[in-house]
N, C-alpha and C. Protein backbone atom coordinates (compact mmCIF):
# COMPACT_ATOMS: atom_id res chain seq x y z
N UNK A 1 -0.02 1.73 -10.22
CA UNK A 1 -0.52 0.77 -9.28
C UNK A 1 -1.07 1.46 -8.07
N UNK A 2 -2.25 1.08 -7.46
CA UNK A 2 -2.87 1.75 -6.42
C UNK A 2 -2.04 1.44 -5.06
N UNK A 3 -1.86 2.41 -4.28
CA UNK A 3 -1.34 2.39 -2.93
C UNK A 3 -2.25 1.89 -1.79
N UNK A 4 -1.76 0.98 -1.04
CA UNK A 4 -2.59 0.59 0.19
C UNK A 4 -2.08 1.34 1.41
N UNK A 5 -2.96 1.50 2.23
CA UNK A 5 -2.57 2.06 3.60
C UNK A 5 -2.36 0.76 4.61
N UNK A 6 -1.43 0.94 5.52
CA UNK A 6 -1.23 0.00 6.48
C UNK A 6 -1.89 0.54 7.83
N UNK A 7 -2.40 -0.15 8.57
CA UNK A 7 -3.30 0.01 9.77
C UNK A 7 -3.02 -0.94 10.82
N UNK A 8 -2.63 -0.65 12.07
CA UNK A 8 -2.31 -1.64 13.11
C UNK A 8 -3.44 -1.68 13.99
N UNK A 9 -3.74 -3.04 14.38
CA UNK A 9 -4.67 -3.25 15.52
C UNK A 9 -4.12 -2.85 16.84
N UNK A 10 -4.65 -2.60 17.81
CA UNK A 10 -4.12 -2.10 19.08
C UNK A 10 -3.08 -3.00 19.73
N UNK A 11 -3.50 -4.27 19.50
CA UNK A 11 -2.73 -5.43 20.07
C UNK A 11 -1.38 -5.64 19.30
N UNK A 12 -1.44 -5.55 17.88
CA UNK A 12 -0.40 -5.70 17.03
C UNK A 12 0.81 -4.53 17.31
N UNK A 13 0.16 -3.31 17.68
CA UNK A 13 1.04 -2.07 17.92
C UNK A 13 1.71 -2.43 19.29
N UNK A 14 1.15 -3.05 20.16
CA UNK A 14 1.59 -3.24 21.54
C UNK A 14 2.85 -4.44 21.41
N UNK A 15 2.46 -5.35 20.43
CA UNK A 15 3.52 -6.45 20.33
C UNK A 15 4.76 -5.76 19.53
N UNK A 16 4.51 -4.88 18.66
CA UNK A 16 5.53 -4.32 17.90
C UNK A 16 6.37 -3.43 18.79
N UNK A 17 5.85 -2.64 19.66
CA UNK A 17 6.44 -1.85 20.69
C UNK A 17 7.40 -2.63 21.52
N UNK A 18 7.02 -3.76 21.75
CA UNK A 18 7.89 -4.75 22.83
C UNK A 18 9.12 -5.27 22.10
N UNK A 19 9.27 -5.24 20.83
CA UNK A 19 10.26 -5.70 20.28
C UNK A 19 11.65 -4.76 20.34
N UNK A 20 12.91 -5.32 19.93
CA UNK A 20 14.03 -4.44 20.20
C UNK A 20 13.87 -3.41 19.08
N UNK A 21 14.51 -2.22 19.12
CA UNK A 21 14.45 -1.19 18.18
C UNK A 21 14.78 -1.58 16.87
N UNK A 22 16.05 -2.10 16.73
CA UNK A 22 16.35 -2.52 15.43
C UNK A 22 15.31 -3.48 14.69
N UNK A 23 14.73 -4.38 15.41
CA UNK A 23 13.62 -5.29 14.85
C UNK A 23 12.35 -4.52 14.48
N UNK A 24 12.09 -3.46 15.41
CA UNK A 24 10.90 -2.62 15.03
C UNK A 24 11.09 -1.83 13.70
N UNK A 25 12.47 -1.31 13.51
CA UNK A 25 12.64 -0.66 12.14
C UNK A 25 12.65 -1.69 11.00
N UNK A 26 13.22 -2.75 11.18
CA UNK A 26 13.11 -3.82 10.14
C UNK A 26 11.64 -4.23 9.66
N UNK A 27 10.87 -4.26 10.63
CA UNK A 27 9.37 -4.71 10.49
C UNK A 27 8.76 -3.48 9.71
N UNK A 28 8.81 -2.37 10.36
CA UNK A 28 8.25 -1.07 9.66
C UNK A 28 8.74 -0.72 8.18
N UNK A 29 10.02 -1.08 7.99
CA UNK A 29 10.42 -1.01 6.61
C UNK A 29 9.83 -1.98 5.72
N UNK A 30 9.80 -3.24 6.17
CA UNK A 30 9.05 -4.30 5.48
C UNK A 30 7.64 -3.94 5.06
N UNK A 31 7.00 -3.46 6.14
CA UNK A 31 5.59 -2.99 5.88
C UNK A 31 5.40 -2.03 4.89
N UNK A 32 6.30 -0.93 4.99
CA UNK A 32 6.26 0.37 4.11
C UNK A 32 6.58 -0.23 2.60
N UNK A 33 7.65 -1.07 2.51
CA UNK A 33 7.82 -1.64 1.29
C UNK A 33 7.02 -2.60 0.44
N UNK A 34 6.60 -3.44 1.39
CA UNK A 34 5.56 -4.42 0.70
C UNK A 34 4.12 -4.21 0.64
N UNK A 35 3.74 -3.43 1.87
CA UNK A 35 2.05 -3.32 1.82
C UNK A 35 1.70 -2.16 1.13
N UNK A 36 2.57 -1.09 0.93
CA UNK A 36 2.08 0.12 0.20
C UNK A 36 1.97 -0.22 -1.41
N UNK A 37 2.64 -1.08 -1.98
CA UNK A 37 2.39 -1.39 -3.32
C UNK A 37 1.44 -2.34 -3.56
N UNK A 38 1.66 -3.75 -3.31
CA UNK A 38 0.85 -4.86 -3.44
C UNK A 38 0.92 -5.88 -2.38
N UNK A 39 0.09 -5.79 -1.33
CA UNK A 39 0.22 -6.84 -0.19
C UNK A 39 -0.10 -8.06 -0.61
N UNK A 40 -0.69 -8.40 -1.91
CA UNK A 40 -1.06 -9.79 -2.31
C UNK A 40 0.07 -10.56 -2.89
N UNK A 41 0.88 -9.89 -3.38
CA UNK A 41 2.06 -10.56 -3.96
C UNK A 41 3.39 -10.40 -3.28
N UNK A 42 3.45 -9.43 -2.42
CA UNK A 42 4.75 -9.11 -1.63
C UNK A 42 5.62 -10.28 -1.26
N UNK A 43 5.47 -10.51 0.03
CA UNK A 43 6.12 -11.88 0.42
C UNK A 43 5.05 -12.53 1.30
N UNK A 44 3.89 -11.96 0.97
CA UNK A 44 2.74 -12.44 1.87
C UNK A 44 2.27 -13.80 1.36
N UNK A 45 1.94 -14.65 2.37
CA UNK A 45 1.51 -16.03 2.05
C UNK A 45 0.09 -16.01 2.58
N UNK A 46 -0.74 -16.43 1.80
CA UNK A 46 -2.00 -16.65 2.10
C UNK A 46 -2.29 -17.91 3.31
N UNK A 47 -2.85 -17.66 4.39
CA UNK A 47 -2.86 -18.72 5.34
C UNK A 47 -4.14 -19.39 5.26
N UNK A 48 -4.24 -20.62 5.06
CA UNK A 48 -5.42 -21.37 4.82
C UNK A 48 -6.44 -21.53 6.06
N UNK A 49 -5.86 -21.49 7.25
CA UNK A 49 -6.55 -21.62 8.27
C UNK A 49 -7.30 -20.33 8.56
N UNK A 50 -6.82 -19.19 8.22
CA UNK A 50 -7.36 -18.05 8.26
C UNK A 50 -7.89 -17.54 7.04
N UNK A 51 -9.29 -17.52 6.81
CA UNK A 51 -9.86 -17.40 5.56
C UNK A 51 -9.30 -16.15 4.59
N UNK A 52 -9.18 -15.04 5.42
CA UNK A 52 -8.73 -13.88 4.58
C UNK A 52 -7.17 -13.44 5.09
N UNK A 53 -6.63 -14.26 5.97
CA UNK A 53 -5.32 -13.99 6.34
C UNK A 53 -4.06 -14.19 5.58
N UNK A 54 -3.19 -13.32 5.92
CA UNK A 54 -1.73 -13.35 5.10
C UNK A 54 -0.76 -13.42 6.22
N UNK A 55 0.45 -13.78 5.82
CA UNK A 55 1.63 -13.84 6.71
C UNK A 55 2.69 -13.23 5.85
N UNK A 56 3.48 -12.30 6.47
CA UNK A 56 4.53 -11.80 5.81
C UNK A 56 5.94 -12.09 6.79
N UNK A 57 6.79 -12.81 6.05
CA UNK A 57 8.14 -13.16 6.94
C UNK A 57 8.97 -11.88 7.03
N UNK A 58 9.52 -11.53 8.19
CA UNK A 58 10.49 -10.43 8.26
C UNK A 58 11.53 -11.23 9.21
N UNK A 59 12.61 -11.82 8.57
CA UNK A 59 13.59 -12.51 9.47
C UNK A 59 12.93 -13.58 10.35
N UNK A 60 13.29 -13.44 11.55
CA UNK A 60 12.66 -14.36 12.65
C UNK A 60 11.26 -14.05 13.17
N UNK A 61 10.67 -13.04 12.41
CA UNK A 61 9.48 -12.57 12.86
C UNK A 61 8.34 -12.74 11.78
N UNK A 62 7.12 -12.83 12.14
CA UNK A 62 6.03 -12.87 11.33
C UNK A 62 4.93 -11.76 11.65
N UNK A 63 4.55 -11.24 10.49
CA UNK A 63 3.52 -10.22 10.57
C UNK A 63 2.15 -10.69 9.80
N UNK A 64 1.09 -10.81 10.66
CA UNK A 64 -0.14 -11.44 10.24
C UNK A 64 -0.98 -10.33 10.04
N UNK A 65 -1.80 -10.33 8.74
CA UNK A 65 -2.63 -9.20 8.46
C UNK A 65 -3.79 -9.89 7.56
N UNK A 66 -4.63 -8.87 7.35
CA UNK A 66 -5.70 -9.24 6.26
C UNK A 66 -6.00 -7.87 5.51
N UNK A 67 -6.55 -8.09 4.41
CA UNK A 67 -6.87 -6.81 3.53
C UNK A 67 -8.23 -6.42 3.41
N UNK A 68 -8.85 -5.16 3.59
CA UNK A 68 -9.99 -4.68 3.37
C UNK A 68 -10.04 -3.58 2.52
N UNK A 69 -10.33 -3.71 1.26
CA UNK A 69 -10.37 -2.76 0.11
C UNK A 69 -8.98 -2.27 -0.01
N UNK A 70 -8.56 -1.07 0.18
CA UNK A 70 -7.32 -0.62 0.05
C UNK A 70 -6.46 -0.23 1.43
N UNK A 71 -6.94 -1.08 2.48
CA UNK A 71 -6.39 -1.01 3.69
C UNK A 71 -5.79 -2.31 4.36
N UNK A 72 -4.68 -2.32 4.48
CA UNK A 72 -4.02 -3.64 5.15
C UNK A 72 -4.03 -3.47 6.54
N UNK A 73 -4.73 -4.38 7.19
CA UNK A 73 -4.99 -4.32 8.65
C UNK A 73 -4.04 -5.48 9.36
N UNK A 74 -3.00 -4.85 10.05
CA UNK A 74 -2.16 -5.83 10.77
C UNK A 74 -2.64 -6.27 12.05
N UNK A 75 -2.74 -7.49 12.29
CA UNK A 75 -3.31 -8.19 13.46
C UNK A 75 -2.45 -8.60 14.59
N UNK A 76 -1.14 -9.01 14.02
CA UNK A 76 -0.11 -9.46 14.98
C UNK A 76 1.27 -9.22 14.45
N UNK A 77 2.17 -9.17 15.30
CA UNK A 77 3.66 -9.33 14.87
C UNK A 77 4.30 -10.10 16.07
N UNK A 78 4.67 -11.36 15.54
CA UNK A 78 5.26 -12.22 16.43
C UNK A 78 6.49 -12.91 16.16
N UNK A 79 7.33 -13.24 17.07
CA UNK A 79 8.62 -14.02 16.62
C UNK A 79 8.15 -15.43 16.32
N UNK A 80 8.89 -15.91 15.26
CA UNK A 80 8.53 -17.29 14.83
C UNK A 80 9.05 -18.29 15.78
N UNK A 81 8.10 -19.30 16.10
CA UNK A 81 8.67 -20.29 16.95
C UNK A 81 7.87 -21.71 16.22
N UNK A 82 8.05 -22.80 16.86
CA UNK A 82 7.43 -24.01 16.26
C UNK A 82 6.09 -23.93 16.09
N UNK A 83 5.32 -23.30 16.91
CA UNK A 83 3.99 -23.20 16.68
C UNK A 83 3.36 -22.07 15.78
N UNK A 84 4.33 -21.23 15.43
CA UNK A 84 3.97 -20.04 14.48
C UNK A 84 3.83 -20.61 13.05
N UNK A 85 2.98 -20.05 12.24
CA UNK A 85 2.70 -20.47 10.95
C UNK A 85 4.06 -20.23 9.91
């Protein structure tokens, strides 16, 4: 199976760095485990409001991303609230 690369947008990297260290490690491990193999079927759920967007649940946090050829582009890492998908 082909491997995918994960790439952070500048804003997503800033959001990730603002999280506690243990959450950062958890998110990075999930990204490594899920996105490098097959981001379409990992835990990623297609977001209908975002035509090409997906969401990955990592505990109380959500990683939003989209896929361009073999690159997973992470757009944001946020804590789940009542307004988060």
